[in-house]
Amino acid sequence: MEFMSMIVTGLILAVIMFGLSFVVSKLSGLSWFWIAFCANSGFFLTFLAVQSAFPENAALALSYLNLGIGIFLILQTIFGSSNWLLKKTMQRRH
Protein backbone atom coordinates (compact mmCIF):
# COMPACT_ATOMS: atom_id res chain seq x y z
CA MET A 1 0.00 0.00 0.00
CA GLU A 2 2.99 2.29 0.43
CA PHE A 3 3.56 2.32 -3.31
CA MET A 4 0.06 3.72 -3.88
CA SER A 5 0.78 6.66 -1.59
CA MET A 6 3.97 7.41 -3.54
CA ILE A 7 2.12 7.24 -6.86
CA VAL A 8 -0.56 9.59 -5.49
CA THR A 9 2.17 11.89 -4.17
CA GLY A 10 3.71 11.96 -7.66
CA LEU A 11 0.34 12.79 -9.18
CA ILE A 12 -0.23 15.56 -6.62
CA LEU A 13 3.24 16.98 -7.31
CA ALA A 14 2.52 16.99 -11.05
CA VAL A 15 -0.87 18.66 -10.52
CA ILE A 16 0.74 21.35 -8.35
CA MET A 17 3.32 22.02 -11.07
CA PHE A 18 0.49 22.10 -13.60
CA GLY A 19 -1.34 24.72 -11.53
CA LEU A 20 1.78 26.83 -11.06
CA SER A 21 2.48 26.57 -14.79
CA PHE A 22 -0.99 27.88 -15.52
CA VAL A 23 -0.33 30.93 -13.34
CA VAL A 24 3.09 31.48 -14.96
CA SER A 25 1.55 31.21 -18.42
CA LYS A 26 -1.05 33.86 -17.59
CA LEU A 27 1.69 36.20 -16.36
CA SER A 28 4.07 35.55 -19.25
CA GLY A 29 1.67 35.01 -22.14
CA LEU A 30 3.25 31.68 -23.10
CA SER A 31 1.35 28.43 -23.69
CA TRP A 32 0.30 26.75 -20.43
CA PHE A 33 0.60 23.32 -21.99
CA TRP A 34 4.28 23.68 -22.86
CA ILE A 35 5.21 25.27 -19.54
CA ALA A 36 3.47 22.48 -17.61
CA PHE A 37 4.90 19.79 -19.89
CA CYS A 38 8.45 21.09 -19.51
CA ALA A 39 8.14 21.45 -15.72
CA ASN A 40 6.74 17.95 -15.22
CA SER A 41 9.20 16.44 -17.70
CA GLY A 42 12.01 18.09 -15.78
CA PHE A 43 10.83 16.51 -12.53
CA PHE A 44 10.44 13.15 -14.25
CA LEU A 45 13.95 13.21 -15.75
CA THR A 46 15.55 14.55 -12.56
CA PHE A 47 14.03 11.85 -10.39
CA LEU A 48 14.98 9.25 -12.97
CA ALA A 49 18.58 10.46 -13.02
CA VAL A 50 19.11 10.62 -9.25
CA GLN A 51 17.27 7.40 -8.46
CA SER A 52 20.42 5.25 -8.56
CA ALA A 53 22.19 7.46 -6.00
CA PHE A 54 19.79 6.48 -3.20
CA PRO A 55 19.56 3.30 -1.14
CA GLU A 56 17.29 0.53 -2.42
CA ASN A 57 14.17 1.49 -0.43
CA ALA A 58 14.43 5.17 -1.34
CA ALA A 59 15.12 4.30 -4.98
CA LEU A 60 11.98 2.17 -5.04
CA ALA A 61 9.98 5.04 -3.53
CA LEU A 62 11.39 7.43 -6.14
CA SER A 63 10.44 5.03 -8.91
CA TYR A 64 6.83 4.99 -7.70
CA LEU A 65 6.89 8.78 -7.38
CA ASN A 66 8.22 8.92 -10.91
CA LEU A 67 5.44 6.58 -12.04
CA GLY A 68 2.85 9.02 -10.71
CA ILE A 69 4.48 11.93 -12.54
CA GLY A 70 4.75 9.81 -15.69
CA ILE A 71 1.06 8.93 -15.56
CA PHE A 72 0.18 12.62 -15.32
CA LEU A 73 2.55 13.44 -18.23
CA ILE A 74 0.88 10.82 -20.41
CA LEU A 75 -2.60 12.10 -19.55
CA GLN A 76 -1.51 15.70 -20.10
CA THR A 77 -0.06 14.80 -23.49
CA ILE A 78 -3.18 12.90 -24.54
CA PHE A 79 -5.57 15.68 -23.54
CA GLY A 80 -3.29 18.44 -24.87
CA SER A 81 -2.86 16.81 -28.25
CA SER A 82 -6.55 16.00 -28.55
CA ASN A 83 -7.39 19.62 -27.71
CA TRP A 84 -4.89 20.81 -30.35
CA LEU A 85 -6.32 18.37 -32.89
CA LEU A 86 -9.85 19.53 -32.13
CA LYS A 87 -8.84 23.18 -32.64
CA LYS A 88 -7.15 22.37 -35.96
CA THR A 89 -10.17 20.47 -37.30
CA MET A 90 -12.54 23.24 -36.20
CA GLN A 91 -10.39 25.81 -38.02
CA ARG A 92 -10.58 23.80 -41.25
CA ARG A 93 -14.37 23.70 -41.16
CA HIS A 94 -14.72 27.49 -41.09
C-alpha atoms as a PDB file:
ATOM      1  CA  MET A   1       0.000   0.000   0.000  1.00  0.00           C
ATOM      2  CA  GLU A   2       2.992   2.289   0.429  1.00  0.00           C
ATOM      3  CA  PHE A   3       3.560   2.323  -3.313  1.00  0.00           C
ATOM      4  CA  MET A   4       0.060   3.722  -3.876  1.00  0.00           C
ATOM      5  CA  SER A   5       0.780   6.657  -1.592  1.00  0.00           C
ATOM      6  CA  MET A   6       3.974   7.415  -3.536  1.00  0.00           C
ATOM      7  CA  ILE A   7       2.116   7.244  -6.857  1.00  0.00           C
ATOM      8  CA  VAL A   8      -0.564   9.593  -5.486  1.00  0.00           C
ATOM      9  CA  THR A   9       2.174  11.890  -4.170  1.00  0.00           C
ATOM     10  CA  GLY A  10       3.712  11.962  -7.658  1.00  0.00           C
ATOM     11  CA  LEU A  11       0.335  12.785  -9.176  1.00  0.00           C
ATOM     12  CA  ILE A  12      -0.228  15.564  -6.623  1.00  0.00           C
ATOM     13  CA  LEU A  13       3.241  16.984  -7.306  1.00  0.00           C
ATOM     14  CA  ALA A  14       2.518  16.985 -11.045  1.00  0.00           C
ATOM     15  CA  VAL A  15      -0.874  18.659 -10.518  1.00  0.00           C
ATOM     16  CA  ILE A  16       0.740  21.353  -8.348  1.00  0.00           C
ATOM     17  CA  MET A  17       3.318  22.016 -11.066  1.00  0.00           C
ATOM     18  CA  PHE A  18       0.490  22.100 -13.604  1.00  0.00           C
ATOM     19  CA  GLY A  19      -1.339  24.717 -11.530  1.00  0.00           C
ATOM     20  CA  LEU A  20       1.777  26.826 -11.064  1.00  0.00           C
ATOM     21  CA  SER A  21       2.483  26.566 -14.787  1.00  0.00           C
ATOM     22  CA  PHE A  22      -0.992  27.883 -15.522  1.00  0.00           C
ATOM     23  CA  VAL A  23      -0.325  30.933 -13.342  1.00  0.00           C
ATOM     24  CA  VAL A  24       3.092  31.485 -14.957  1.00  0.00           C
ATOM     25  CA  SER A  25       1.547  31.209 -18.424  1.00  0.00           C
ATOM     26  CA  LYS A  26      -1.047  33.864 -17.593  1.00  0.00           C
ATOM     27  CA  LEU A  27       1.693  36.198 -16.356  1.00  0.00           C
ATOM     28  CA  SER A  28       4.068  35.550 -19.252  1.00  0.00           C
ATOM     29  CA  GLY A  29       1.669  35.014 -22.136  1.00  0.00           C
ATOM     30  CA  LEU A  30       3.247  31.676 -23.099  1.00  0.00           C
ATOM     31  CA  SER A  31       1.353  28.435 -23.689  1.00  0.00           C
ATOM     32  CA  TRP A  32       0.297  26.755 -20.431  1.00  0.00           C
ATOM     33  CA  PHE A  33       0.602  23.320 -21.993  1.00  0.00           C
ATOM     34  CA  TRP A  34       4.277  23.676 -22.860  1.00  0.00           C
ATOM     35  CA  ILE A  35       5.209  25.267 -19.544  1.00  0.00           C
ATOM     36  CA  ALA A  36       3.475  22.476 -17.612  1.00  0.00           C
ATOM     37  CA  PHE A  37       4.896  19.794 -19.891  1.00  0.00           C
ATOM     38  CA  CYS A  38       8.455  21.088 -19.507  1.00  0.00           C
ATOM     39  CA  ALA A  39       8.135  21.445 -15.720  1.00  0.00           C
ATOM     40  CA  ASN A  40       6.737  17.945 -15.220  1.00  0.00           C
ATOM     41  CA  SER A  41       9.198  16.439 -17.697  1.00  0.00           C
ATOM     42  CA  GLY A  42      12.014  18.093 -15.779  1.00  0.00           C
ATOM     43  CA  PHE A  43      10.829  16.511 -12.534  1.00  0.00           C
ATOM     44  CA  PHE A  44      10.445  13.149 -14.248  1.00  0.00           C
ATOM     45  CA  LEU A  45      13.952  13.209 -15.751  1.00  0.00           C
ATOM     46  CA  THR A  46      15.549  14.553 -12.562  1.00  0.00           C
ATOM     47  CA  PHE A  47      14.025  11.848 -10.387  1.00  0.00           C
ATOM     48  CA  LEU A  48      14.977   9.246 -12.973  1.00  0.00           C
ATOM     49  CA  ALA A  49      18.578  10.460 -13.021  1.00  0.00           C
ATOM     50  CA  VAL A  50      19.107  10.617  -9.254  1.00  0.00           C
ATOM     51  CA  GLN A  51      17.268   7.400  -8.458  1.00  0.00           C
ATOM     52  CA  SER A  52      20.423   5.254  -8.558  1.00  0.00           C
ATOM     53  CA  ALA A  53      22.194   7.463  -5.995  1.00  0.00           C
ATOM     54  CA  PHE A  54      19.791   6.481  -3.199  1.00  0.00           C
ATOM     55  CA  PRO A  55      19.555   3.298  -1.139  1.00  0.00           C
ATOM     56  CA  GLU A  56      17.292   0.530  -2.415  1.00  0.00           C
ATOM     57  CA  ASN A  57      14.172   1.489  -0.429  1.00  0.00           C
ATOM     58  CA  ALA A  58      14.429   5.166  -1.338  1.00  0.00           C
ATOM     59  CA  ALA A  59      15.122   4.301  -4.978  1.00  0.00           C
ATOM     60  CA  LEU A  60      11.981   2.166  -5.036  1.00  0.00           C
ATOM     61  CA  ALA A  61       9.979   5.036  -3.525  1.00  0.00           C
ATOM     62  CA  LEU A  62      11.390   7.430  -6.135  1.00  0.00           C
ATOM     63  CA  SER A  63      10.443   5.025  -8.909  1.00  0.00           C
ATOM     64  CA  TYR A  64       6.826   4.994  -7.695  1.00  0.00           C
ATOM     65  CA  LEU A  65       6.885   8.781  -7.380  1.00  0.00           C
ATOM     66  CA  ASN A  66       8.219   8.917 -10.914  1.00  0.00           C
ATOM     67  CA  LEU A  67       5.445   6.582 -12.045  1.00  0.00           C
ATOM     68  CA  GLY A  68       2.846   9.025 -10.713  1.00  0.00           C
ATOM     69  CA  ILE A  69       4.480  11.928 -12.536  1.00  0.00           C
ATOM     70  CA  GLY A  70       4.751   9.814 -15.692  1.00  0.00           C
ATOM     71  CA  ILE A  71       1.061   8.935 -15.561  1.00  0.00           C
ATOM     72  CA  PHE A  72       0.182  12.623 -15.323  1.00  0.00           C
ATOM     73  CA  LEU A  73       2.545  13.441 -18.230  1.00  0.00           C
ATOM     74  CA  ILE A  74       0.883  10.821 -20.405  1.00  0.00           C
ATOM     75  CA  LEU A  75      -2.600  12.102 -19.554  1.00  0.00           C
ATOM     76  CA  GLN A  76      -1.512  15.700 -20.103  1.00  0.00           C
ATOM     77  CA  THR A  77      -0.058  14.804 -23.495  1.00  0.00           C
ATOM     78  CA  ILE A  78      -3.177  12.896 -24.539  1.00  0.00           C
ATOM     79  CA  PHE A  79      -5.566  15.679 -23.540  1.00  0.00           C
ATOM     80  CA  GLY A  80      -3.292  18.436 -24.868  1.00  0.00           C
ATOM     81  CA  SER A  81      -2.858  16.807 -28.246  1.00  0.00           C
ATOM     82  CA  SER A  82      -6.554  15.996 -28.552  1.00  0.00           C
ATOM     83  CA  ASN A  83      -7.395  19.616 -27.715  1.00  0.00           C
ATOM     84  CA  TRP A  84      -4.892  20.813 -30.348  1.00  0.00           C
ATOM     85  CA  LEU A  85      -6.317  18.372 -32.893  1.00  0.00           C
ATOM     86  CA  LEU A  86      -9.847  19.534 -32.135  1.00  0.00           C
ATOM     87  CA  LYS A  87      -8.840  23.175 -32.635  1.00  0.00           C
ATOM     88  CA  LYS A  88      -7.149  22.366 -35.959  1.00  0.00           C
ATOM     89  CA  THR A  89     -10.175  20.471 -37.300  1.00  0.00           C
ATOM     90  CA  MET A  90     -12.537  23.239 -36.199  1.00  0.00           C
ATOM     91  CA  GLN A  91     -10.386  25.810 -38.024  1.00  0.00           C
ATOM     92  CA  ARG A  92     -10.578  23.796 -41.246  1.00  0.00           C
ATOM     93  CA  ARG A  93     -14.368  23.701 -41.159  1.00  0.00           C
ATOM     94  CA  HIS A  94     -14.723  27.487 -41.089  1.00  0.00           C
END
